[in-house]
Amino acid sequence: MAESEREYIRGKSLEGQAAARDRRGGRPEVFDDDMSNYARTLRTNGGGVARGGTTHTVKAPG
């Protein structure tokens, strides 16, 4: 009985690990590629990222 339960738990654990490999974890990104490129453009043109933050709203995820 204990051996079959141990095998069941091991199988479920391996299934969970395999499923976790397919997912991307971590905190959601606030900036997308367009926003990052725009900030770089402002910075290279001498405008600064802080000035860009006053003209464009950046929302937190969620």
C-alpha atoms as a PDB file:
ATOM      1  CA  MET A   1       0.000   0.000   0.000  1.00  0.00           C
ATOM      2  CA  ALA A   2       2.701   2.468   0.966  1.00  0.00           C
ATOM      3  CA  GLU A   3       4.743   1.647  -2.117  1.00  0.00           C
ATOM      4  CA  SER A   4       1.844   2.329  -4.499  1.00  0.00           C
ATOM      5  CA  GLU A   5       1.111   5.603  -2.714  1.00  0.00           C
ATOM      6  CA  ARG A   6       4.764   6.628  -3.013  1.00  0.00           C
ATOM      7  CA  GLU A   7       4.708   5.831  -6.755  1.00  0.00           C
ATOM      8  CA  TYR A   8       1.509   7.859  -7.172  1.00  0.00           C
ATOM      9  CA  ILE A   9       3.006  10.881  -5.392  1.00  0.00           C
ATOM     10  CA  ARG A  10       6.227  10.584  -7.407  1.00  0.00           C
ATOM     11  CA  GLY A  11       4.274  10.428 -10.671  1.00  0.00           C
ATOM     12  CA  LYS A  12       2.222  13.503  -9.767  1.00  0.00           C
ATOM     13  CA  SER A  13       5.371  15.340  -8.730  1.00  0.00           C
ATOM     14  CA  LEU A  14       7.046  14.585 -12.064  1.00  0.00           C
ATOM     15  CA  GLU A  15       3.918  15.724 -13.928  1.00  0.00           C
ATOM     16  CA  GLY A  16       3.970  19.013 -12.030  1.00  0.00           C
ATOM     17  CA  GLN A  17       7.646  19.559 -12.782  1.00  0.00           C
ATOM     18  CA  ALA A  18       7.071  18.930 -16.481  1.00  0.00           C
ATOM     19  CA  ALA A  19       4.160  21.372 -16.535  1.00  0.00           C
ATOM     20  CA  ALA A  20       6.232  24.004 -14.734  1.00  0.00           C
ATOM     21  CA  ARG A  21       8.949  23.828 -17.408  1.00  0.00           C
ATOM     22  CA  ASP A  22       6.432  25.001 -20.005  1.00  0.00           C
ATOM     23  CA  ARG A  23       5.419  28.093 -18.046  1.00  0.00           C
ATOM     24  CA  ARG A  24       7.219  31.378 -17.812  1.00  0.00           C
ATOM     25  CA  GLY A  25       7.231  32.578 -14.230  1.00  0.00           C
ATOM     26  CA  GLY A  26       8.101  35.791 -12.536  1.00  0.00           C
ATOM     27  CA  ARG A  27       6.639  39.239 -12.385  1.00  0.00           C
ATOM     28  CA  PRO A  28       4.806  40.532 -15.478  1.00  0.00           C
ATOM     29  CA  GLU A  29       6.701  43.080 -17.529  1.00  0.00           C
ATOM     30  CA  VAL A  30       5.584  46.703 -17.218  1.00  0.00           C
ATOM     31  CA  PHE A  31       7.333  47.946 -20.354  1.00  0.00           C
ATOM     32  CA  ASP A  32       6.754  46.453 -23.757  1.00  0.00           C
ATOM     33  CA  ASP A  33       9.272  46.710 -26.600  1.00  0.00           C
ATOM     34  CA  ASP A  34       7.734  49.899 -28.025  1.00  0.00           C
ATOM     35  CA  MET A  35       7.936  51.699 -24.679  1.00  0.00           C
ATOM     36  CA  SER A  36      11.552  50.622 -24.184  1.00  0.00           C
ATOM     37  CA  ASN A  37      12.526  51.784 -27.671  1.00  0.00           C
ATOM     38  CA  TYR A  38      10.822  55.131 -27.102  1.00  0.00           C
ATOM     39  CA  ALA A  39      12.690  55.611 -23.798  1.00  0.00           C
ATOM     40  CA  ARG A  40      15.999  54.807 -25.543  1.00  0.00           C
ATOM     41  CA  THR A  41      15.194  57.321 -28.284  1.00  0.00           C
ATOM     42  CA  LEU A  42      14.464  60.028 -25.715  1.00  0.00           C
ATOM     43  CA  ARG A  43      17.685  59.261 -23.905  1.00  0.00           C
ATOM     44  CA  THR A  44      19.859  59.367 -27.034  1.00  0.00           C
ATOM     45  CA  ASN A  45      18.246  62.634 -28.149  1.00  0.00           C
ATOM     46  CA  GLY A  46      19.036  64.262 -24.817  1.00  0.00           C
ATOM     47  CA  GLY A  47      15.426  64.399 -23.657  1.00  0.00           C
ATOM     48  CA  GLY A  48      15.894  62.008 -20.800  1.00  0.00           C
ATOM     49  CA  VAL A  49      13.667  59.245 -19.618  1.00  0.00           C
ATOM     50  CA  ALA A  50      12.322  61.289 -16.703  1.00  0.00           C
ATOM     51  CA  ARG A  51      10.844  63.844 -19.111  1.00  0.00           C
ATOM     52  CA  GLY A  52       9.242  61.037 -21.103  1.00  0.00           C
ATOM     53  CA  GLY A  53       7.624  59.725 -17.938  1.00  0.00           C
ATOM     54  CA  THR A  54       5.774  62.997 -17.467  1.00  0.00           C
ATOM     55  CA  THR A  55       4.290  62.884 -20.968  1.00  0.00           C
ATOM     56  CA  HIS A  56       3.358  59.184 -21.055  1.00  0.00           C
ATOM     57  CA  THR A  57       1.536  57.153 -18.454  1.00  0.00           C
ATOM     58  CA  VAL A  58       3.100  53.884 -17.385  1.00  0.00           C
ATOM     59  CA  LYS A  59       0.621  51.630 -15.633  1.00  0.00           C
ATOM     60  CA  ALA A  60       1.589  48.927 -13.212  1.00  0.00           C
ATOM     61  CA  PRO A  61       0.408  45.443 -14.152  1.00  0.00           C
ATOM     62  CA  GLY A  62      -2.701  44.096 -12.535  1.00  0.00           C
END
